[in-house]
C-alpha atoms as a PDB file:
ATOM      1  CA  MET A   1     155.796 114.778 -17.185  1.00  0.00           C
ATOM      2  CA  PRO A   2     154.438 116.236 -13.894  1.00  0.00           C
ATOM      3  CA  ASP A   3     153.877 113.481 -11.336  1.00  0.00           C
ATOM      4  CA  LEU A   4     153.690 115.221  -7.959  1.00  0.00           C
ATOM      5  CA  THR A   5     150.608 115.675  -5.800  1.00  0.00           C
ATOM      6  CA  LEU A   6     150.556 118.671  -3.463  1.00  0.00           C
ATOM      7  CA  VAL A   7     148.376 118.256  -0.366  1.00  0.00           C
ATOM      8  CA  LEU A   8     147.265 121.145   1.876  1.00  0.00           C
ATOM      9  CA  GLU A   9     145.348 120.436   5.095  1.00  0.00           C
ATOM     10  CA  ALA A  10     144.340 123.073   7.655  1.00  0.00           C
ATOM     11  CA  SER A  11     141.141 121.941   9.377  1.00  0.00           C
ATOM     12  CA  ALA A  12     142.646 121.816  12.874  1.00  0.00           C
ATOM     13  CA  GLY A  13     143.897 125.385  13.054  1.00  0.00           C
ATOM     14  CA  SER A  14     147.349 124.230  11.982  1.00  0.00           C
ATOM     15  CA  GLY A  15     148.744 123.555   8.538  1.00  0.00           C
ATOM     16  CA  SER A  16     150.020 120.249   7.207  1.00  0.00           C
ATOM     17  CA  LEU A  17     151.609 120.139   3.742  1.00  0.00           C
ATOM     18  CA  ALA A  18     152.991 117.229   1.724  1.00  0.00           C
ATOM     19  CA  LEU A  19     154.415 116.459  -1.681  1.00  0.00           C
ATOM     20  CA  LEU A  20     153.605 112.922  -2.798  1.00  0.00           C
ATOM     21  CA  ARG A  21     154.614 110.618  -5.601  1.00  0.00           C
ATOM     22  CA  PRO A  22     152.990 107.194  -5.996  1.00  0.00           C
ATOM     23  CA  GLY A  23     154.371 105.150  -3.125  1.00  0.00           C
ATOM     24  CA  ALA A  24     156.538 107.921  -1.664  1.00  0.00           C
ATOM     25  CA  VAL A  25     156.386 111.058   0.476  1.00  0.00           C
ATOM     26  CA  VAL A  26     158.776 113.482  -1.234  1.00  0.00           C
ATOM     27  CA  ALA A  27     158.555 116.254   1.381  1.00  0.00           C
ATOM     28  CA  GLU A  28     156.282 117.528   4.123  1.00  0.00           C
ATOM     29  CA  ALA A  29     155.945 120.494   6.449  1.00  0.00           C
ATOM     30  CA  GLU A  30     153.834 121.767   9.337  1.00  0.00           C
ATOM     31  CA  VAL A  31     152.946 125.343  10.156  1.00  0.00           C
ATOM     32  CA  PRO A  32     150.794 127.097  12.798  1.00  0.00           C
ATOM     33  CA  MET A  33     147.613 128.692  11.455  1.00  0.00           C
ATOM     34  CA  ARG A  34     146.225 130.661  14.408  1.00  0.00           C
ATOM     35  CA  GLY A  35     145.721 134.417  14.096  1.00  0.00           C
ATOM     36  CA  HIS A  36     148.517 136.100  12.134  1.00  0.00           C
ATOM     37  CA  ASP A  37     150.164 132.677  11.764  1.00  0.00           C
ATOM     38  CA  GLY A  38     147.608 131.979   9.034  1.00  0.00           C
ATOM     39  CA  GLU A  39     149.905 133.907   6.710  1.00  0.00           C
ATOM     40  CA  ARG A  40     152.635 131.267   7.070  1.00  0.00           C
ATOM     41  CA  MET A  41     151.149 128.542   4.870  1.00  0.00           C
ATOM     42  CA  MET A  42     152.212 130.024   1.530  1.00  0.00           C
ATOM     43  CA  PRO A  43     155.815 130.714   2.633  1.00  0.00           C
ATOM     44  CA  ALA A  44     155.966 127.184   4.079  1.00  0.00           C
ATOM     45  CA  LEU A  45     154.806 125.812   0.727  1.00  0.00           C
ATOM     46  CA  VAL A  46     157.430 127.787  -1.181  1.00  0.00           C
ATOM     47  CA  GLU A  47     160.151 126.582   1.197  1.00  0.00           C
ATOM     48  CA  MET A  48     159.013 122.956   0.965  1.00  0.00           C
ATOM     49  CA  LEU A  49     159.213 123.089  -2.837  1.00  0.00           C
ATOM     50  CA  ARG A  50     162.654 124.680  -2.645  1.00  0.00           C
ATOM     51  CA  VAL A  51     164.043 122.082  -0.259  1.00  0.00           C
ATOM     52  CA  ALA A  52     162.568 119.263  -2.373  1.00  0.00           C
ATOM     53  CA  GLY A  53     164.184 120.737  -5.480  1.00  0.00           C
ATOM     54  CA  VAL A  54     160.923 120.956  -7.438  1.00  0.00           C
ATOM     55  CA  SER A  55     158.678 123.706  -8.768  1.00  0.00           C
ATOM     56  CA  THR A  56     154.964 124.187  -9.245  1.00  0.00           C
ATOM     57  CA  ALA A  57     155.455 123.028 -12.856  1.00  0.00           C
ATOM     58  CA  ASP A  58     156.069 119.541 -11.436  1.00  0.00           C
ATOM     59  CA  LEU A  59     152.597 119.386  -9.862  1.00  0.00           C
ATOM     60  CA  ALA A  60     150.065 117.091 -11.517  1.00  0.00           C
ATOM     61  CA  ARG A  61     147.306 117.455  -8.924  1.00  0.00           C
ATOM     62  CA  ILE A  62     146.439 119.475  -5.827  1.00  0.00           C
ATOM     63  CA  VAL A  63     144.488 118.035  -2.903  1.00  0.00           C
ATOM     64  CA  CYS A  64     142.951 120.230  -0.208  1.00  0.00           C
ATOM     65  CA  GLY A  65     141.500 119.252   3.143  1.00  0.00           C
ATOM     66  CA  ALA A  66     137.737 119.659   2.869  1.00  0.00           C
ATOM     67  CA  GLY A  67     136.920 119.915   6.560  1.00  0.00           C
ATOM     68  CA  PRO A  68     134.951 120.122   8.687  1.00  0.00           C
ATOM     69  CA  GLY A  69     137.060 122.320  10.909  1.00  0.00           C
ATOM     70  CA  GLY A  70     138.328 125.815  11.630  1.00  0.00           C
ATOM     71  CA  PHE A  71     136.741 128.329   9.258  1.00  0.00           C
ATOM     72  CA  THR A  72     139.672 130.704   8.761  1.00  0.00           C
ATOM     73  CA  SER A  73     142.417 128.109   8.343  1.00  0.00           C
ATOM     74  CA  LEU A  74     140.306 125.981   5.991  1.00  0.00           C
ATOM     75  CA  ARG A  75     139.529 129.053   3.913  1.00  0.00           C
ATOM     76  CA  ILE A  76     143.209 130.029   3.649  1.00  0.00           C
ATOM     77  CA  ALA A  77     144.238 126.543   2.505  1.00  0.00           C
ATOM     78  CA  ALA A  78     141.357 126.404   0.018  1.00  0.00           C
ATOM     79  CA  ALA A  79     142.242 129.804  -1.438  1.00  0.00           C
ATOM     80  CA  ILE A  80     145.867 128.743  -1.968  1.00  0.00           C
ATOM     81  CA  ALA A  81     144.841 125.390  -3.458  1.00  0.00           C
ATOM     82  CA  LYS A  82     142.284 126.923  -5.822  1.00  0.00           C
ATOM     83  CA  GLY A  83     144.629 129.678  -6.909  1.00  0.00           C
ATOM     84  CA  LEU A  84     147.406 127.219  -7.724  1.00  0.00           C
ATOM     85  CA  ALA A  85     145.101 124.766  -9.490  1.00  0.00           C
ATOM     86  CA  CYS A  86     143.652 127.560 -11.607  1.00  0.00           C
ATOM     87  CA  SER A  87     147.004 129.099 -12.535  1.00  0.00           C
ATOM     88  CA  LEU A  88     148.638 125.728 -13.290  1.00  0.00           C
ATOM     89  CA  GLY A  89     145.644 124.187 -15.056  1.00  0.00           C
ATOM     90  CA  VAL A  90     145.716 121.045 -12.872  1.00  0.00           C
ATOM     91  CA  GLU A  91     142.969 119.121 -11.103  1.00  0.00           C
ATOM     92  CA  LEU A  92     141.828 120.105  -7.621  1.00  0.00           C
ATOM     93  CA  TRP A  93     140.684 117.330  -5.293  1.00  0.00           C
ATOM     94  CA  GLY A  94     139.048 117.487  -1.874  1.00  0.00           C
ATOM     95  CA  VAL A  95     139.783 115.098   0.971  1.00  0.00           C
ATOM     96  CA  SER A  96     137.840 114.543   4.179  1.00  0.00           C
ATOM     97  CA  SER A  97     139.867 115.956   7.059  1.00  0.00           C
ATOM     98  CA  LEU A  98     138.311 113.404   9.429  1.00  0.00           C
ATOM     99  CA  ALA A  99     139.286 110.597   7.046  1.00  0.00           C
ATOM    100  CA  LEU A 100     142.897 111.799   7.193  1.00  0.00           C
ATOM    101  CA  ILE A 101     142.841 111.337  10.971  1.00  0.00           C
ATOM    102  CA  ALA A 102     141.394 107.843  10.651  1.00  0.00           C
ATOM    103  CA  ALA A 103     143.804 106.846   7.872  1.00  0.00           C
ATOM    104  CA  GLY A 104     146.741 108.023   9.949  1.00  0.00           C
ATOM    105  CA  GLU A 105     145.564 106.058  12.962  1.00  0.00           C
ATOM    106  CA  PHE A 106     145.009 102.861  10.982  1.00  0.00           C
ATOM    107  CA  GLY A 107     148.434 103.145   9.394  1.00  0.00           C
ATOM    108  CA  ASP A 108     150.353 104.181  12.518  1.00  0.00           C
ATOM    109  CA  ALA A 109     148.741 101.474  14.647  1.00  0.00           C
ATOM    110  CA  ALA A 110     149.145  98.800  11.949  1.00  0.00           C
ATOM    111  CA  ALA A 111     145.459  98.109  12.582  1.00  0.00           C
ATOM    112  CA  ALA A 112     144.130  94.726  11.566  1.00  0.00           C
ATOM    113  CA  PRO A 113     141.534  94.953   8.773  1.00  0.00           C
ATOM    114  CA  GLY A 114     138.070  94.479  10.191  1.00  0.00           C
ATOM    115  CA  GLY A 115     139.370  95.237  13.676  1.00  0.00           C
ATOM    116  CA  ARG A 116     138.747  98.139  16.006  1.00  0.00           C
ATOM    117  CA  PRO A 117     136.895 101.004  14.320  1.00  0.00           C
ATOM    118  CA  VAL A 118     137.943 104.616  14.791  1.00  0.00           C
ATOM    119  CA  ILE A 119     135.790 107.628  15.575  1.00  0.00           C
ATOM    120  CA  ALA A 120     137.750 110.567  14.191  1.00  0.00           C
ATOM    121  CA  VAL A 121     137.071 113.900  15.886  1.00  0.00           C
ATOM    122  CA  LEU A 122     137.964 117.541  15.374  1.00  0.00           C
ATOM    123  CA  ASP A 123     137.314 120.130  18.061  1.00  0.00           C
ATOM    124  CA  ALA A 124     134.307 122.237  17.012  1.00  0.00           C
ATOM    125  CA  LEU A 125     134.610 124.477  20.115  1.00  0.00           C
ATOM    126  CA  ARG A 126     131.683 125.321  22.423  1.00  0.00           C
ATOM    127  CA  GLY A 127     131.942 121.837  23.976  1.00  0.00           C
ATOM    128  CA  GLU A 128     131.365 120.044  20.670  1.00  0.00           C
ATOM    129  CA  TRP A 129     133.307 117.876  18.229  1.00  0.00           C
ATOM    130  CA  TYR A 130     132.944 117.072  14.554  1.00  0.00           C
ATOM    131  CA  ALA A 131     132.873 113.282  14.495  1.00  0.00           C
ATOM    132  CA  GLN A 132     132.667 110.396  12.034  1.00  0.00           C
ATOM    133  CA  ARG A 133     133.204 106.640  12.354  1.00  0.00           C
ATOM    134  CA  PHE A 134     135.623 104.750  10.085  1.00  0.00           C
ATOM    135  CA  THR A 135     136.707 101.146   9.574  1.00  0.00           C
ATOM    136  CA  LEU A 136     139.620  99.520   7.750  1.00  0.00           C
ATOM    137  CA  HIS A 137     138.912  96.725   5.250  1.00  0.00           C
ATOM    138  CA  ALA A 138     140.969  93.724   4.204  1.00  0.00           C
ATOM    139  CA  ASP A 139     142.018  95.434   0.960  1.00  0.00           C
ATOM    140  CA  GLY A 140     143.345  98.436   2.907  1.00  0.00           C
ATOM    141  CA  ALA A 141     140.390 100.666   2.043  1.00  0.00           C
ATOM    142  CA  VAL A 142     139.143 103.100   4.680  1.00  0.00           C
ATOM    143  CA  THR A 143     135.355 103.400   4.798  1.00  0.00           C
ATOM    144  CA  ALA A 144     133.213 106.020   6.528  1.00  0.00           C
ATOM    145  CA  HIS A 145     129.953 105.174   8.269  1.00  0.00           C
ATOM    146  CA  GLY A 146     127.461 107.985   7.963  1.00  0.00           C
ATOM    147  CA  ALA A 147     128.208 111.664   7.426  1.00  0.00           C
ATOM    148  CA  PRO A 148     130.244 113.926   9.704  1.00  0.00           C
ATOM    149  CA  THR A 149     128.125 115.220  12.572  1.00  0.00           C
ATOM    150  CA  ARG A 150     128.591 117.791  15.325  1.00  0.00           C
ATOM    151  CA  ARG A 151     128.379 116.033  18.684  1.00  0.00           C
ATOM    152  CA  ASP A 152     128.642 116.955  22.344  1.00  0.00           C
ATOM    153  CA  LEU A 153     130.580 115.025  24.969  1.00  0.00           C
ATOM    154  CA  ALA A 154     127.553 113.143  26.310  1.00  0.00           C
ATOM    155  CA  SER A 155     126.513 112.021  22.816  1.00  0.00           C
ATOM    156  CA  LEU A 156     129.952 110.670  21.965  1.00  0.00           C
ATOM    157  CA  ALA A 157     130.337 108.994  25.342  1.00  0.00           C
ATOM    158  CA  ALA A 158     126.975 107.277  24.847  1.00  0.00           C
ATOM    159  CA  GLU A 159     128.030 105.985  21.428  1.00  0.00           C
ATOM    160  CA  LEU A 160     131.207 104.503  22.888  1.00  0.00           C
ATOM    161  CA  ALA A 161     129.128 102.637  25.465  1.00  0.00           C
ATOM    162  CA  ALA A 162     126.565 101.314  22.941  1.00  0.00           C
ATOM    163  CA  PRO A 163     126.979  97.972  21.106  1.00  0.00           C
ATOM    164  CA  LEU A 164     128.308  98.310  17.563  1.00  0.00           C
ATOM    165  CA  SER A 165     126.389  97.108  14.539  1.00  0.00           C
ATOM    166  CA  ALA A 166     127.979  94.431  12.377  1.00  0.00           C
ATOM    167  CA  GLU A 167     128.505  96.852   9.474  1.00  0.00           C
ATOM    168  CA  ALA A 168     130.412  99.294  11.661  1.00  0.00           C
ATOM    169  CA  GLY A 169     133.035  96.793  12.763  1.00  0.00           C
ATOM    170  CA  THR A 170     133.593  94.755  15.880  1.00  0.00           C
ATOM    171  CA  GLY A 171     134.962  95.674  19.288  1.00  0.00           C
ATOM    172  CA  GLY A 172     134.969  99.070  20.997  1.00  0.00           C
ATOM    173  CA  ALA A 173     135.699 102.144  18.904  1.00  0.00           C
ATOM    174  CA  LEU A 174     138.747 104.321  19.539  1.00  0.00           C
ATOM    175  CA  ILE A 175     138.280 108.089  19.567  1.00  0.00           C
ATOM    176  CA  VAL A 176     141.212 109.803  17.852  1.00  0.00           C
ATOM    177  CA  GLY A 177     141.729 113.392  16.783  1.00  0.00           C
ATOM    178  CA  VAL A 178     141.844 116.963  17.994  1.00  0.00           C
ATOM    179  CA  GLY A 179     140.320 116.759  21.456  1.00  0.00           C
ATOM    180  CA  GLY A 180     140.257 112.957  21.322  1.00  0.00           C
ATOM    181  CA  ASP A 181     142.177 112.745  24.576  1.00  0.00           C
ATOM    182  CA  THR A 182     139.161 114.303  26.314  1.00  0.00           C
ATOM    183  CA  PHE A 183     137.579 110.844  26.208  1.00  0.00           C
ATOM    184  CA  GLN A 184     138.684 107.844  28.245  1.00  0.00           C
ATOM    185  CA  GLY A 185     141.064 105.750  26.166  1.00  0.00           C
ATOM    186  CA  GLY A 186     141.090 108.316  23.350  1.00  0.00           C
ATOM    187  CA  ARG A 187     144.123 110.114  21.998  1.00  0.00           C
ATOM    188  CA  HIS A 188     145.049 113.416  20.450  1.00  0.00           C
ATOM    189  CA  ALA A 189     146.064 113.416  16.778  1.00  0.00           C
ATOM    190  CA  LEU A 190     146.169 115.943  13.963  1.00  0.00           C
ATOM    191  CA  PRO A 191     145.100 115.298  10.363  1.00  0.00           C
ATOM    192  CA  ARG A 192     148.274 114.908   8.284  1.00  0.00           C
ATOM    193  CA  ALA A 193     148.542 115.772   4.604  1.00  0.00           C
ATOM    194  CA  ARG A 194     150.767 112.740   3.946  1.00  0.00           C
ATOM    195  CA  ASP A 195     147.929 110.331   4.834  1.00  0.00           C
ATOM    196  CA  VAL A 196     146.133 111.151   1.590  1.00  0.00           C
ATOM    197  CA  ALA A 197     148.285 108.305   0.244  1.00  0.00           C
ATOM    198  CA  ARG A 198     146.344 105.865   2.451  1.00  0.00           C
ATOM    199  CA  LEU A 199     142.960 106.772   0.917  1.00  0.00           C
ATOM    200  CA  ASN A 200     141.403 105.559  -2.321  1.00  0.00           C
ATOM    201  CA  PRO A 201     139.523 107.862  -4.719  1.00  0.00           C
ATOM    202  CA  GLY A 202     135.850 107.844  -3.785  1.00  0.00           C
ATOM    203  CA  PRO A 203     133.597 109.562  -1.236  1.00  0.00           C
ATOM    204  CA  LEU A 204     136.538 110.556   0.973  1.00  0.00           C
ATOM    205  CA  LEU A 205     138.960 111.684  -1.776  1.00  0.00           C
ATOM    206  CA  TYR A 206     137.412 113.190  -4.886  1.00  0.00           C
ATOM    207  CA  PRO A 207     137.889 115.703  -7.724  1.00  0.00           C
ATOM    208  CA  VAL A 208     135.992 118.963  -7.303  1.00  0.00           C
ATOM    209  CA  GLU A 209     134.763 121.722  -9.581  1.00  0.00           C
ATOM    210  CA  LEU A 210     137.336 124.467  -9.268  1.00  0.00           C
ATOM    211  CA  ALA A 211     135.018 127.454  -9.629  1.00  0.00           C
ATOM    212  CA  GLY A 212     132.380 126.506  -7.089  1.00  0.00           C
ATOM    213  CA  TRP A 213     134.088 124.305  -4.510  1.00  0.00           C
ATOM    214  CA  GLU A 214     134.373 125.329  -0.865  1.00  0.00           C
ATOM    215  CA  PRO A 215     135.355 123.248   2.168  1.00  0.00           C
ATOM    216  CA  GLU A 216     132.693 121.975   4.561  1.00  0.00           C
ATOM    217  CA  TYR A 217     133.148 124.384   7.436  1.00  0.00           C
ATOM    218  CA  GLY A 218     130.818 122.517   9.799  1.00  0.00           C
ATOM    219  CA  ARG A 219     129.317 125.671  11.300  1.00  0.00           C
ATOM    220  CA  LEU A 220     128.996 129.335  10.413  1.00  0.00           C
ATOM    221  CA  ALA A 221     131.933 131.627  11.064  1.00  0.00           C
ATOM    222  CA  GLU A 222     131.689 133.495  14.389  1.00  0.00           C
ATOM    223  CA  ALA A 223     131.603 136.852  12.560  1.00  0.00           C
ATOM    224  CA  GLN A 224     128.607 135.698  10.502  1.00  0.00           C
ATOM    225  CA  VAL A 225     126.788 134.418  13.598  1.00  0.00           C
ATOM    226  CA  LYS A 226     127.241 137.784  15.333  1.00  0.00           C
ATOM    227  CA  TRP A 227     126.139 139.700  12.219  1.00  0.00           C
ATOM    228  CA  GLU A 228     122.971 137.636  11.871  1.00  0.00           C
ATOM    229  CA  GLN A 229     122.173 138.021  15.582  1.00  0.00           C
ATOM    230  CA  ALA A 230     122.642 141.784  15.347  1.00  0.00           C
ATOM    231  CA  HIS A 231     120.530 142.139  12.177  1.00  0.00           C
ATOM    232  CA  GLY A 232     117.921 139.485  12.921  1.00  0.00           C
ATOM    233  CA  ARG A 233     118.262 137.770   9.553  1.00  0.00           C
ATOM    234  CA  SER A 234     120.463 135.475   7.515  1.00  0.00           C
ATOM    235  CA  LEU A 235     123.454 137.099   5.843  1.00  0.00           C
ATOM    236  CA  GLY A 236     122.207 135.720   2.535  1.00  0.00           C
ATOM    237  CA  ALA A 237     118.687 137.111   2.939  1.00  0.00           C
ATOM    238  CA  VAL A 238     117.543 140.099   0.899  1.00  0.00           C
ATOM    239  CA  GLY A 239     115.860 143.136   2.377  1.00  0.00           C
END
């Protein structure tokens, strides 16, 4: 009976792939996703399956990074995930890309439950970051506080300096993620597909409707912005 979960994550302009069984990482791979490199994710997936000695028939579920993040790379990963889920007749799940960063940090740092919270960030370009705060609970659950937001440097720096509420954890927050090393004490980290195993089903890891699901891109694609500026209307507007 199929028991493998395939995870595809591409919010940071790079691809992270993993094959998971309960309690084990069977295989994983990384691939660049910038420009023409965006075409490498599918070959990397095929090679990962080959090396692991499994086929798509062994997949029980597919999980795809849901963003926010880079429009093109997220769209490529989503297209592959949806195509496979449809052809194989398996469930498609979405996972918060920011939660993957936080889960990786909590696990790698062996963080104490209830200890230092993490603000996970992904570079949104134009001097901004997608950001969300997370804490680790005694049962190992990772919880998000609020929704992902697009923040500038001054806004994030001000949050680091402000006192934390009791529900958001105790002690100063650590900024981790793509562009995290821009901030004092922060560090750079990519979302990793393997860290899906650290998250529980719920608001951060959830089944999606195959036909209508799209990642949360965070902002409009640059091509759409330019089109709307040139035409003076929304791309979805009529007339």
